[in-house]
Amino acid sequence: MHIISEQNDLFPGVNITEIPVRAYTKGNLASHILGYTSKISEDEYKNEKENGYTLTDYYGKSGIERIAEKYLKGTDRSKTD
């Protein structure tokens, strides 16, 4: 994937989209506490767009994912030439 990204001039029309995923190694254990994420809703986006969110972001919907969203989100980065 990174090879294609780094040599994107060799692959016209190819776009790579990364979707962050958290992997919970214990299956459903404590899932009611951990919560879940889903695409950000329009209302959530309106409230969070000034905090760097976009309409393609995922957002904590319940549990710890919701409570700790601002810490778990991380920082968007992009490479500029």
Protein backbone atom coordinates (compact mmCIF):
# COMPACT_ATOMS: atom_id res chain seq x y z
CA MET A 1 0.00 0.00 0.00
CA HIS A 2 2.73 2.48 0.92
CA ILE A 3 4.65 1.68 -2.25
CA ILE A 4 1.62 2.64 -4.32
CA SER A 5 1.11 5.80 -2.26
CA GLU A 6 4.71 6.84 -2.66
CA GLN A 7 4.66 6.25 -6.42
CA ASN A 8 1.15 7.52 -7.14
CA ASP A 9 2.27 9.02 -10.48
CA LEU A 10 2.65 5.44 -11.75
CA PHE A 11 -0.94 4.60 -10.81
CA PRO A 12 -3.25 7.26 -12.27
CA GLY A 13 -6.80 7.01 -11.02
CA VAL A 14 -5.85 4.93 -7.98
CA ASN A 15 -6.76 6.43 -4.63
CA ILE A 16 -5.94 4.84 -1.30
CA THR A 17 -8.21 5.41 1.66
CA GLU A 18 -7.21 4.26 5.12
CA ILE A 19 -9.88 3.54 7.70
CA PRO A 20 -8.69 3.34 11.29
CA VAL A 21 -9.87 0.24 13.13
CA ARG A 22 -9.42 -0.72 16.74
CA ALA A 23 -8.95 -4.44 17.35
CA TYR A 24 -10.15 -5.83 20.65
CA THR A 25 -8.28 -9.04 21.31
CA LYS A 26 -10.79 -10.43 23.82
CA GLY A 27 -13.79 -10.55 21.47
CA ASN A 28 -17.03 -9.33 23.04
CA LEU A 29 -15.59 -9.22 26.56
CA ALA A 30 -16.68 -5.92 28.16
CA SER A 31 -18.07 -4.63 24.85
CA HIS A 32 -20.90 -2.93 26.76
CA ILE A 33 -18.26 -0.94 28.64
CA LEU A 34 -15.88 -0.29 25.74
CA GLY A 35 -18.68 0.84 23.40
CA TYR A 36 -18.36 1.25 19.66
CA THR A 37 -17.60 3.74 16.88
CA SER A 38 -19.49 4.54 13.72
CA LYS A 39 -19.45 7.20 11.00
CA ILE A 40 -19.95 10.64 12.46
CA SER A 41 -23.53 11.91 12.18
CA GLU A 42 -24.39 15.30 10.72
CA ASP A 43 -25.31 16.62 14.19
CA GLU A 44 -22.05 15.34 15.71
CA TYR A 45 -20.14 16.86 12.80
CA LYS A 46 -21.79 20.25 13.33
CA ASN A 47 -20.67 20.16 16.97
CA GLU A 48 -17.18 18.84 16.27
CA LYS A 49 -16.05 20.32 12.94
CA GLU A 50 -14.12 23.07 14.71
CA ASN A 51 -12.22 20.30 16.52
CA GLY A 52 -10.87 18.90 13.26
CA TYR A 53 -13.54 16.32 12.43
CA THR A 54 -14.70 15.67 8.87
CA LEU A 55 -17.83 13.96 7.54
CA THR A 56 -15.76 10.86 6.78
CA ASP A 57 -14.53 10.40 10.36
CA TYR A 58 -15.63 7.73 12.79
CA TYR A 59 -16.92 8.86 16.18
CA GLY A 60 -17.38 7.15 19.55
CA LYS A 61 -21.06 6.33 19.96
CA SER A 62 -21.19 4.69 23.40
CA GLY A 63 -19.13 3.59 26.40
CA ILE A 64 -15.47 4.46 26.74
CA GLU A 65 -15.30 5.10 23.00
CA ARG A 66 -17.74 8.00 23.49
CA ILE A 67 -16.37 9.28 26.79
CA ALA A 68 -12.74 9.26 25.65
CA GLU A 69 -13.35 10.20 21.99
CA LYS A 70 -11.11 13.27 22.06
CA TYR A 71 -8.21 11.18 23.39
CA LEU A 72 -8.75 8.12 21.17
CA LYS A 73 -9.22 10.01 17.89
CA GLY A 74 -5.60 10.94 17.47
CA THR A 75 -4.36 13.45 14.93
CA ASP A 76 -4.95 13.52 11.20
CA ARG A 77 -1.75 13.73 9.20
CA SER A 78 -0.96 14.20 5.58
CA LYS A 79 2.22 14.17 3.59
CA THR A 80 3.10 17.21 1.51
CA ASP A 81 5.79 17.31 -1.14
